[in-house]
Amino acid sequence: RLSCAASGSISFINYMGWYRQAPGKQRDLVAGITRIGIS
């Protein structure tokens, strides 16, 4: 289970997502979720 916590000057986080990059490959989207929970 991965976690990512945002801090600092945050007013409103629209989209949150996870990407991954394997050696020698491009960074690709794994999953994303909007503020209202659409994934």
PDB file of all heavy atoms in Angstrom:
ATOM      1  N   ARG A   1       0.845  -1.182   0.000  1.00  0.00           N
ATOM      2  CA  ARG A   1       0.000   0.000   0.000  1.00  0.00           C
ATOM      3  C   ARG A   1       0.882   1.233   0.000  1.00  0.00           C
ATOM      4  O   ARG A   1       1.679   1.427   0.924  1.00  0.00           O
ATOM      5  CB  ARG A   1      -0.915   0.033   1.225  1.00  0.00           C
ATOM      6  CG  ARG A   1      -1.956   1.151   1.177  1.00  0.00           C
ATOM      7  CD  ARG A   1      -2.669   1.275   2.490  1.00  0.00           C
ATOM      8  NE  ARG A   1      -3.870   2.096   2.412  1.00  0.00           N
ATOM      9  CZ  ARG A   1      -4.316   2.855   3.402  1.00  0.00           C
ATOM     10  NH1 ARG A   1      -3.660   2.902   4.549  1.00  0.00           N
ATOM     11  NH2 ARG A   1      -5.425   3.559   3.255  1.00  0.00           N
ATOM     12  N   LEU A   2       0.737   2.043  -1.031  1.00  0.00           N
ATOM     13  CA  LEU A   2       1.490   3.282  -1.131  1.00  0.00           C
ATOM     14  C   LEU A   2       0.650   4.447  -0.596  1.00  0.00           C
ATOM     15  O   LEU A   2      -0.566   4.459  -0.747  1.00  0.00           O
ATOM     16  CB  LEU A   2       1.868   3.573  -2.579  1.00  0.00           C
ATOM     17  CG  LEU A   2       2.636   2.481  -3.331  1.00  0.00           C
ATOM     18  CD1 LEU A   2       2.988   2.967  -4.734  1.00  0.00           C
ATOM     19  CD2 LEU A   2       3.878   2.065  -2.590  1.00  0.00           C
ATOM     20  N   SER A   3       1.348   5.396   0.017  1.00  0.00           N
ATOM     21  CA  SER A   3       0.700   6.611   0.500  1.00  0.00           C
ATOM     22  C   SER A   3       1.461   7.821  -0.009  1.00  0.00           C
ATOM     23  O   SER A   3       2.679   7.769  -0.187  1.00  0.00           O
ATOM     24  CB  SER A   3       0.674   6.647   2.025  1.00  0.00           C
ATOM     25  OG  SER A   3      -0.046   5.565   2.553  1.00  0.00           O
ATOM     26  N   CYS A   4       0.740   8.900  -0.228  1.00  0.00           N
ATOM     27  CA  CYS A   4       1.358  10.158  -0.644  1.00  0.00           C
ATOM     28  C   CYS A   4       0.623  11.288   0.055  1.00  0.00           C
ATOM     29  O   CYS A   4      -0.571  11.498  -0.196  1.00  0.00           O
ATOM     30  CB  CYS A   4       1.299  10.317  -2.151  1.00  0.00           C
ATOM     31  SG  CYS A   4       1.865  11.921  -2.756  1.00  0.00           S
ATOM     32  N   ALA A   5       1.338  11.986   0.917  1.00  0.00           N
ATOM     33  CA  ALA A   5       0.753  13.094   1.677  1.00  0.00           C
ATOM     34  C   ALA A   5       1.268  14.424   1.149  1.00  0.00           C
ATOM     35  O   ALA A   5       2.476  14.612   1.027  1.00  0.00           O
ATOM     36  CB  ALA A   5       1.075  12.946   3.149  1.00  0.00           C
ATOM     37  N   ALA A   6       0.348  15.311   0.860  1.00  0.00           N
ATOM     38  CA  ALA A   6       0.708  16.652   0.377  1.00  0.00           C
ATOM     39  C   ALA A   6       0.637  17.644   1.521  1.00  0.00           C
ATOM     40  O   ALA A   6      -0.270  17.585   2.363  1.00  0.00           O
ATOM     41  CB  ALA A   6      -0.225  17.070  -0.746  1.00  0.00           C
ATOM     42  N   SER A   7       1.593  18.567   1.530  1.00  0.00           N
ATOM     43  CA  SER A   7       1.605  19.618   2.563  1.00  0.00           C
ATOM     44  C   SER A   7       2.138  20.905   1.953  1.00  0.00           C
ATOM     45  O   SER A   7       2.709  20.909   0.870  1.00  0.00           O
ATOM     46  CB  SER A   7       2.466  19.195   3.751  1.00  0.00           C
ATOM     47  OG  SER A   7       3.807  19.011   3.354  1.00  0.00           O
ATOM     48  N   GLY A   8       1.923  22.003   2.688  1.00  0.00           N
ATOM     49  CA  GLY A   8       2.400  23.292   2.200  1.00  0.00           C
ATOM     50  C   GLY A   8       1.245  24.199   1.829  1.00  0.00           C
ATOM     51  O   GLY A   8       0.175  24.145   2.426  1.00  0.00           O
ATOM     52  N   SER A   9       1.475  25.014   0.815  1.00  0.00           N
ATOM     53  CA  SER A   9       0.474  25.990   0.376  1.00  0.00           C
ATOM     54  C   SER A   9      -0.567  25.315  -0.513  1.00  0.00           C
ATOM     55  O   SER A   9      -0.486  25.351  -1.740  1.00  0.00           O
ATOM     56  CB  SER A   9       1.158  27.121  -0.392  1.00  0.00           C
ATOM     57  OG  SER A   9       2.118  27.772   0.414  1.00  0.00           O
ATOM     58  N   ILE A  10      -1.529  24.691   0.129  1.00  0.00           N
ATOM     59  CA  ILE A  10      -2.537  23.918  -0.591  1.00  0.00           C
ATOM     60  C   ILE A  10      -3.900  24.542  -0.379  1.00  0.00           C
ATOM     61  O   ILE A  10      -4.355  24.663   0.748  1.00  0.00           O
ATOM     62  CB  ILE A  10      -2.569  22.463  -0.104  1.00  0.00           C
ATOM     63  CG1 ILE A  10      -1.220  21.793  -0.346  1.00  0.00           C
ATOM     64  CG2 ILE A  10      -3.681  21.698  -0.817  1.00  0.00           C
ATOM     65  CD1 ILE A  10      -1.103  20.431   0.273  1.00  0.00           C
ATOM     66  N   SER A  11      -4.521  24.920  -1.479  1.00  0.00           N
ATOM     67  CA  SER A  11      -5.863  25.467  -1.390  1.00  0.00           C
ATOM     68  C   SER A  11      -6.915  24.423  -1.758  1.00  0.00           C
ATOM     69  O   SER A  11      -7.917  24.262  -1.070  1.00  0.00           O
ATOM     70  CB  SER A  11      -5.991  26.676  -2.311  1.00  0.00           C
ATOM     71  OG  SER A  11      -5.635  26.324  -3.638  1.00  0.00           O
ATOM     72  N   PHE A  12      -6.637  23.720  -2.822  1.00  0.00           N
ATOM     73  CA  PHE A  12      -7.620  22.789  -3.348  1.00  0.00           C
ATOM     74  C   PHE A  12      -6.923  21.814  -4.269  1.00  0.00           C
ATOM     75  O   PHE A  12      -6.360  22.207  -5.286  1.00  0.00           O
ATOM     76  CB  PHE A  12      -8.680  23.587  -4.130  1.00  0.00           C
ATOM     77  CG  PHE A  12      -9.840  22.782  -4.638  1.00  0.00           C
ATOM     78  CD1 PHE A  12     -10.953  22.599  -3.848  1.00  0.00           C
ATOM     79  CD2 PHE A  12      -9.819  22.225  -5.901  1.00  0.00           C
ATOM     80  CE1 PHE A  12     -12.038  21.857  -4.310  1.00  0.00           C
ATOM     81  CE2 PHE A  12     -10.891  21.493  -6.372  1.00  0.00           C
ATOM     82  CZ  PHE A  12     -12.000  21.314  -5.574  1.00  0.00           C
ATOM     83  N   ILE A  13      -6.945  20.539  -3.925  1.00  0.00           N
ATOM     84  CA  ILE A  13      -6.314  19.529  -4.775  1.00  0.00           C
ATOM     85  C   ILE A  13      -7.371  18.921  -5.686  1.00  0.00           C
ATOM     86  O   ILE A  13      -8.308  18.277  -5.223  1.00  0.00           O
ATOM     87  CB  ILE A  13      -5.647  18.422  -3.953  1.00  0.00           C
ATOM     88  CG1 ILE A  13      -4.584  19.010  -3.029  1.00  0.00           C
ATOM     89  CG2 ILE A  13      -5.020  17.383  -4.885  1.00  0.00           C
ATOM     90  CD1 ILE A  13      -3.890  17.982  -2.151  1.00  0.00           C
ATOM     91  N   ASN A  14      -7.219  19.163  -6.968  1.00  0.00           N
ATOM     92  CA  ASN A  14      -8.182  18.628  -7.923  1.00  0.00           C
ATOM     93  C   ASN A  14      -7.958  17.137  -8.148  1.00  0.00           C
ATOM     94  O   ASN A  14      -8.742  16.299  -7.739  1.00  0.00           O
ATOM     95  CB  ASN A  14      -8.057  19.375  -9.256  1.00  0.00           C
ATOM     96  CG  ASN A  14      -8.335  20.844  -9.112  1.00  0.00           C
ATOM     97  OD1 ASN A  14      -9.277  21.257  -8.450  1.00  0.00           O
ATOM     98  ND2 ASN A  14      -7.492  21.662  -9.713  1.00  0.00           N
ATOM     99  N   TYR A  15      -6.854  16.845  -8.767  1.00  0.00           N
ATOM    100  CA  TYR A  15      -6.590  15.489  -9.214  1.00  0.00           C
ATOM    101  C   TYR A  15      -5.397  14.912  -8.462  1.00  0.00           C
ATOM    102  O   TYR A  15      -4.429  15.626  -8.168  1.00  0.00           O
ATOM    103  CB  TYR A  15      -6.287  15.518 -10.712  1.00  0.00           C
ATOM    104  CG  TYR A  15      -5.920  14.201 -11.330  1.00  0.00           C
ATOM    105  CD1 TYR A  15      -6.893  13.333 -11.789  1.00  0.00           C
ATOM    106  CD2 TYR A  15      -4.588  13.832 -11.464  1.00  0.00           C
ATOM    107  CE1 TYR A  15      -6.545  12.118 -12.363  1.00  0.00           C
ATOM    108  CE2 TYR A  15      -4.237  12.628 -12.047  1.00  0.00           C
ATOM    109  CZ  TYR A  15      -5.224  11.775 -12.492  1.00  0.00           C
ATOM    110  OH  TYR A  15      -4.893  10.579 -13.061  1.00  0.00           O
ATOM    111  N   MET A  16      -5.479  13.662  -8.111  1.00  0.00           N
ATOM    112  CA  MET A  16      -4.365  12.964  -7.477  1.00  0.00           C
ATOM    113  C   MET A  16      -4.155  11.661  -8.236  1.00  0.00           C
ATOM    114  O   MET A  16      -5.133  10.980  -8.581  1.00  0.00           O
ATOM    115  CB  MET A  16      -4.645  12.678  -5.997  1.00  0.00           C
ATOM    116  CG  MET A  16      -5.041  13.911  -5.202  1.00  0.00           C
ATOM    117  SD  MET A  16      -5.282  13.591  -3.439  1.00  0.00           S
ATOM    118  CE  MET A  16      -3.589  13.758  -2.836  1.00  0.00           C
ATOM    119  N   GLY A  17      -2.912  11.338  -8.473  1.00  0.00           N
ATOM    120  CA  GLY A  17      -2.659  10.135  -9.247  1.00  0.00           C
ATOM    121  C   GLY A  17      -1.334   9.487  -8.926  1.00  0.00           C
ATOM    122  O   GLY A  17      -0.479  10.060  -8.253  1.00  0.00           O
ATOM    123  N   TRP A  18      -1.200   8.266  -9.398  1.00  0.00           N
ATOM    124  CA  TRP A  18       0.036   7.496  -9.281  1.00  0.00           C
ATOM    125  C   TRP A  18       0.517   7.135 -10.680  1.00  0.00           C
ATOM    126  O   TRP A  18      -0.263   6.689 -11.523  1.00  0.00           O
ATOM    127  CB  TRP A  18      -0.193   6.226  -8.481  1.00  0.00           C
ATOM    128  CG  TRP A  18      -0.415   6.458  -7.028  1.00  0.00           C
ATOM    129  CD1 TRP A  18      -1.604   6.565  -6.377  1.00  0.00           C
ATOM    130  CD2 TRP A  18       0.597   6.633  -6.031  1.00  0.00           C
ATOM    131  NE1 TRP A  18      -1.412   6.793  -5.048  1.00  0.00           N
ATOM    132  CE2 TRP A  18      -0.057   6.831  -4.798  1.00  0.00           C
ATOM    133  CE3 TRP A  18       1.995   6.638  -6.051  1.00  0.00           C
ATOM    134  CZ2 TRP A  18       0.632   7.036  -3.605  1.00  0.00           C
ATOM    135  CZ3 TRP A  18       2.674   6.838  -4.873  1.00  0.00           C
ATOM    136  CH2 TRP A  18       1.997   7.030  -3.663  1.00  0.00           C
ATOM    137  N   TYR A  19       1.795   7.337 -10.892  1.00  0.00           N
ATOM    138  CA  TYR A  19       2.455   6.968 -12.132  1.00  0.00           C
ATOM    139  C   TYR A  19       3.604   6.023 -11.779  1.00  0.00           C
ATOM    140  O   TYR A  19       4.024   5.958 -10.625  1.00  0.00           O
ATOM    141  CB  TYR A  19       3.018   8.208 -12.834  1.00  0.00           C
ATOM    142  CG  TYR A  19       1.972   9.128 -13.401  1.00  0.00           C
ATOM    143  CD1 TYR A  19       1.139   9.864 -12.565  1.00  0.00           C
ATOM    144  CD2 TYR A  19       1.805   9.259 -14.779  1.00  0.00           C
ATOM    145  CE1 TYR A  19       0.173  10.705 -13.082  1.00  0.00           C
ATOM    146  CE2 TYR A  19       0.841  10.108 -15.306  1.00  0.00           C
ATOM    147  CZ  TYR A  19       0.034  10.822 -14.452  1.00  0.00           C
ATOM    148  OH  TYR A  19      -0.924  11.654 -14.974  1.00  0.00           O
ATOM    149  N   ARG A  20       4.101   5.326 -12.774  1.00  0.00           N
ATOM    150  CA  ARG A  20       5.263   4.481 -12.541  1.00  0.00           C
ATOM    151  C   ARG A  20       6.195   4.497 -13.731  1.00  0.00           C
ATOM    152  O   ARG A  20       5.759   4.719 -14.864  1.00  0.00           O
ATOM    153  CB  ARG A  20       4.847   3.051 -12.209  1.00  0.00           C
ATOM    154  CG  ARG A  20       4.190   2.282 -13.344  1.00  0.00           C
ATOM    155  CD  ARG A  20       3.716   0.917 -12.844  1.00  0.00           C
ATOM    156  NE  ARG A  20       3.090   0.119 -13.906  1.00  0.00           N
ATOM    157  CZ  ARG A  20       2.456  -1.037 -13.679  1.00  0.00           C
ATOM    158  NH1 ARG A  20       2.372  -1.530 -12.433  1.00  0.00           N
ATOM    159  NH2 ARG A  20       1.915  -1.692 -14.682  1.00  0.00           N
ATOM    160  N   GLN A  21       7.459   4.254 -13.416  1.00  0.00           N
ATOM    161  CA  GLN A  21       8.478   4.256 -14.456  1.00  0.00           C
ATOM    162  C   GLN A  21       9.456   3.119 -14.200  1.00  0.00           C
ATOM    163  O   GLN A  21      10.137   3.101 -13.172  1.00  0.00           O
ATOM    164  CB  GLN A  21       9.219   5.589 -14.488  1.00  0.00           C
ATOM    165  CG  GLN A  21      10.185   5.727 -15.645  1.00  0.00           C
ATOM    166  CD  GLN A  21      10.686   7.152 -15.796  1.00  0.00           C
ATOM    167  OE1 GLN A  21      10.642   7.959 -14.865  1.00  0.00           O
ATOM    168  NE2 GLN A  21      11.152   7.481 -16.991  1.00  0.00           N
ATOM    169  N   ALA A  22       9.483   2.193 -15.130  1.00  0.00           N
ATOM    170  CA  ALA A  22      10.434   1.089 -15.063  1.00  0.00           C
ATOM    171  C   ALA A  22      11.714   1.505 -15.787  1.00  0.00           C
ATOM    172  O   ALA A  22      11.683   2.403 -16.636  1.00  0.00           O
ATOM    173  CB  ALA A  22       9.831  -0.152 -15.702  1.00  0.00           C
ATOM    174  N   PRO A  23      12.830   0.861 -15.491  1.00  0.00           N
ATOM    175  CA  PRO A  23      14.099   1.214 -16.142  1.00  0.00           C
ATOM    176  C   PRO A  23      13.995   1.155 -17.665  1.00  0.00           C
ATOM    177  O   PRO A  23      13.510   0.172 -18.221  1.00  0.00           O
ATOM    178  CB  PRO A  23      15.070   0.158 -15.614  1.00  0.00           C
ATOM    179  CG  PRO A  23      14.511  -0.232 -14.296  1.00  0.00           C
ATOM    180  CD  PRO A  23      13.022  -0.183 -14.467  1.00  0.00           C
ATOM    181  N   GLY A  24      14.414   2.225 -18.312  1.00  0.00           N
ATOM    182  CA  GLY A  24      14.402   2.274 -19.763  1.00  0.00           C
ATOM    183  C   GLY A  24      13.057   2.523 -20.394  1.00  0.00           C
ATOM    184  O   GLY A  24      12.927   2.484 -21.624  1.00  0.00           O
ATOM    185  N   LYS A  25      12.056   2.786 -19.562  1.00  0.00           N
ATOM    186  CA  LYS A  25      10.707   3.006 -20.094  1.00  0.00           C
ATOM    187  C   LYS A  25      10.189   4.378 -19.691  1.00  0.00           C
ATOM    188  O   LYS A  25      10.741   5.029 -18.812  1.00  0.00           O
ATOM    189  CB  LYS A  25       9.759   1.910 -19.593  1.00  0.00           C
ATOM    190  CG  LYS A  25      10.117   0.521 -20.089  1.00  0.00           C
ATOM    191  CD  LYS A  25       9.044  -0.487 -19.726  1.00  0.00           C
ATOM    192  CE  LYS A  25       9.366  -1.866 -20.300  1.00  0.00           C
ATOM    193  NZ  LYS A  25       8.301  -2.853 -19.981  1.00  0.00           N
ATOM    194  N   GLN A  26       9.138   4.809 -20.340  1.00  0.00           N
ATOM    195  CA  GLN A  26       8.555   6.102 -20.012  1.00  0.00           C
ATOM    196  C   GLN A  26       7.698   5.997 -18.760  1.00  0.00           C
ATOM    197  O   GLN A  26       7.323   4.913 -18.340  1.00  0.00           O
ATOM    198  CB  GLN A  26       7.713   6.601 -21.188  1.00  0.00           C
ATOM    199  CG  GLN A  26       6.470   5.771 -21.468  1.00  0.00           C
ATOM    200  CD  GLN A  26       5.680   6.320 -22.648  1.00  0.00           C
ATOM    201  OE1 GLN A  26       6.190   7.072 -23.473  1.00  0.00           O
ATOM    202  NE2 GLN A  26       4.412   5.948 -22.729  1.00  0.00           N
ATOM    203  N   ARG A  27       7.422   7.157 -18.188  1.00  0.00           N
ATOM    204  CA  ARG A  27       6.563   7.208 -17.012  1.00  0.00           C
ATOM    205  C   ARG A  27       5.110   7.151 -17.467  1.00  0.00           C
ATOM    206  O   ARG A  27       4.664   7.968 -18.284  1.00  0.00           O
ATOM    207  CB  ARG A  27       6.829   8.495 -16.224  1.00  0.00           C
ATOM    208  CG  ARG A  27       6.142   8.551 -14.888  1.00  0.00           C
ATOM    209  CD  ARG A  27       6.545   9.802 -14.125  1.00  0.00           C
ATOM    210  NE  ARG A  27       7.981   9.850 -13.857  1.00  0.00           N
ATOM    211  CZ  ARG A  27       8.541  10.808 -13.115  1.00  0.00           C
ATOM    212  NH1 ARG A  27       7.808  11.758 -12.575  1.00  0.00           N
ATOM    213  NH2 ARG A  27       9.854  10.792 -12.929  1.00  0.00           N
ATOM    214  N   ASP A  28       4.369   6.202 -16.926  1.00  0.00           N
ATOM    215  CA  ASP A  28       2.986   5.983 -17.334  1.00  0.00           C
ATOM    216  C   ASP A  28       2.029   6.109 -16.163  1.00  0.00           C
ATOM    217  O   ASP A  28       2.376   5.808 -15.016  1.00  0.00           O
ATOM    218  CB  ASP A  28       2.815   4.585 -17.947  1.00  0.00           C
ATOM    219  CG  ASP A  28       3.532   4.432 -19.269  1.00  0.00           C
ATOM    220  OD1 ASP A  28       3.569   5.405 -20.046  1.00  0.00           O
ATOM    221  OD2 ASP A  28       4.057   3.333 -19.519  1.00  0.00           O
ATOM    222  N   LEU A  29       0.805   6.495 -16.481  1.00  0.00           N
ATOM    223  CA  LEU A  29      -0.238   6.567 -15.472  1.00  0.00           C
ATOM    224  C   LEU A  29      -0.617   5.168 -15.001  1.00  0.00           C
ATOM    225  O   LEU A  29      -0.819   4.258 -15.810  1.00  0.00           O
ATOM    226  CB  LEU A  29      -1.472   7.255 -16.043  1.00  0.00           C
ATOM    227  CG  LEU A  29      -2.707   7.272 -15.147  1.00  0.00           C
ATOM    228  CD1 LEU A  29      -2.481   8.182 -13.943  1.00  0.00           C
ATOM    229  CD2 LEU A  29      -3.934   7.723 -15.929  1.00  0.00           C
ATOM    230  N   VAL A  30      -0.724   5.012 -13.694  1.00  0.00           N
ATOM    231  CA  VAL A  30      -1.215   3.777 -13.104  1.00  0.00           C
ATOM    232  C   VAL A  30      -2.684   3.934 -12.719  1.00  0.00           C
ATOM    233  O   VAL A  30      -3.532   3.116 -13.086  1.00  0.00           O
ATOM    234  CB  VAL A  30      -0.399   3.389 -11.860  1.00  0.00           C
ATOM    235  CG1 VAL A  30      -0.984   2.145 -11.193  1.00  0.00           C
ATOM    236  CG2 VAL A  30       1.063   3.180 -12.221  1.00  0.00           C
ATOM    237  N   ALA A  31      -2.979   5.006 -11.976  1.00  0.00           N
ATOM    238  CA  ALA A  31      -4.343   5.259 -11.528  1.00  0.00           C
ATOM    239  C   ALA A  31      -4.460   6.722 -11.129  1.00  0.00           C
ATOM    240  O   ALA A  31      -3.490   7.332 -10.689  1.00  0.00           O
ATOM    241  CB  ALA A  31      -4.716   4.359 -10.358  1.00  0.00           C
ATOM    242  N   GLY A  32      -5.671   7.253 -11.277  1.00  0.00           N
ATOM    243  CA  GLY A  32      -5.920   8.622 -10.879  1.00  0.00           C
ATOM    244  C   GLY A  32      -7.302   8.744 -10.268  1.00  0.00           C
ATOM    245  O   GLY A  32      -8.173   7.884 -10.481  1.00  0.00           O
ATOM    246  N   ILE A  33      -7.495   9.810  -9.496  1.00  0.00           N
ATOM    247  CA  ILE A  33      -8.773   9.998  -8.827  1.00  0.00           C
ATOM    248  C   ILE A  33      -9.054  11.484  -8.680  1.00  0.00           C
ATOM    249  O   ILE A  33      -8.169  12.272  -8.336  1.00  0.00           O
ATOM    250  CB  ILE A  33      -8.785   9.278  -7.448  1.00  0.00           C
ATOM    251  CG1 ILE A  33     -10.172   9.329  -6.818  1.00  0.00           C
ATOM    252  CG2 ILE A  33      -7.719   9.828  -6.516  1.00  0.00           C
ATOM    253  CD1 ILE A  33     -10.322   8.387  -5.625  1.00  0.00           C
ATOM    254  N   THR A  34     -10.291  11.865  -8.968  1.00  0.00           N
ATOM    255  CA  THR A  34     -10.679  13.262  -8.814  1.00  0.00           C
ATOM    256  C   THR A  34     -11.101  13.540  -7.372  1.00  0.00           C
ATOM    257  O   THR A  34     -11.220  12.629  -6.552  1.00  0.00           O
ATOM    258  CB  THR A  34     -11.859  13.592  -9.739  1.00  0.00           C
ATOM    259  OG1 THR A  34     -13.025  12.873  -9.275  1.00  0.00           O
ATOM    260  CG2 THR A  34     -11.574  13.182 -11.175  1.00  0.00           C
ATOM    261  N   ARG A  35     -11.358  14.794  -7.100  1.00  0.00           N
ATOM    262  CA  ARG A  35     -11.714  15.181  -5.731  1.00  0.00           C
ATOM    263  C   ARG A  35     -13.014  14.513  -5.280  1.00  0.00           C
ATOM    264  O   ARG A  35     -13.174  14.211  -4.098  1.00  0.00           O
ATOM    265  CB  ARG A  35     -11.825  16.692  -5.623  1.00  0.00           C
ATOM    266  CG  ARG A  35     -12.061  17.175  -4.193  1.00  0.00           C
ATOM    267  CD  ARG A  35     -11.946  18.679  -4.078  1.00  0.00           C
ATOM    268  NE  ARG A  35     -12.123  19.114  -2.708  1.00  0.00           N
ATOM    269  CZ  ARG A  35     -11.161  19.140  -1.794  1.00  0.00           C
ATOM    270  NH1 ARG A  35      -9.940  18.759  -2.127  1.00  0.00           N
ATOM    271  NH2 ARG A  35     -11.407  19.537  -0.561  1.00  0.00           N
ATOM    272  N   ILE A  36     -13.903  14.254  -6.219  1.00  0.00           N
ATOM    273  CA  ILE A  36     -15.182  13.642  -5.828  1.00  0.00           C
ATOM    274  C   ILE A  36     -15.135  12.122  -5.960  1.00  0.00           C
ATOM    275  O   ILE A  36     -16.177  11.465  -5.828  1.00  0.00           O
ATOM    276  CB  ILE A  36     -16.347  14.215  -6.659  1.00  0.00           C
ATOM    277  CG1 ILE A  36     -16.144  13.945  -8.150  1.00  0.00           C
ATOM    278  CG2 ILE A  36     -16.520  15.696  -6.382  1.00  0.00           C
ATOM    279  CD1 ILE A  36     -17.356  14.303  -8.996  1.00  0.00           C
ATOM    280  N   GLY A  37     -13.972  11.581  -6.206  1.00  0.00           N
ATOM    281  CA  GLY A  37     -13.815  10.141  -6.138  1.00  0.00           C
ATOM    282  C   GLY A  37     -13.956   9.369  -7.431  1.00  0.00           C
ATOM    283  O   GLY A  37     -14.017   8.139  -7.405  1.00  0.00           O
ATOM    284  N   ILE A  38     -13.976  10.060  -8.540  1.00  0.00           N
ATOM    285  CA  ILE A  38     -14.028   9.350  -9.825  1.00  0.00           C
ATOM    286  C   ILE A  38     -12.620   8.893 -10.164  1.00  0.00           C
ATOM    287  O   ILE A  38     -11.695   9.693 -10.214  1.00  0.00           O
ATOM    288  CB  ILE A  38     -14.588  10.245 -10.934  1.00  0.00           C
ATOM    289  CG1 ILE A  38     -16.010  10.665 -10.603  1.00  0.00           C
ATOM    290  CG2 ILE A  38     -14.544   9.518 -12.276  1.00  0.00           C
ATOM    291  CD1 ILE A  38     -16.585  11.700 -11.520  1.00  0.00           C
ATOM    292  N   SER A  39     -12.461   7.600 -10.407  1.00  0.00           N
ATOM    293  CA  SER A  39     -11.131   7.042 -10.608  1.00  0.00           C
ATOM    294  C   SER A  39     -10.983   6.422 -11.998  1.00  0.00           C
ATOM    295  O   SER A  39     -11.972   6.075 -12.654  1.00  0.00           O
ATOM    296  CB  SER A  39     -10.830   5.989  -9.546  1.00  0.00           C
ATOM    297  OG  SER A  39     -11.788   4.951  -9.591  1.00  0.00           O
TER     298      SER A  39
END
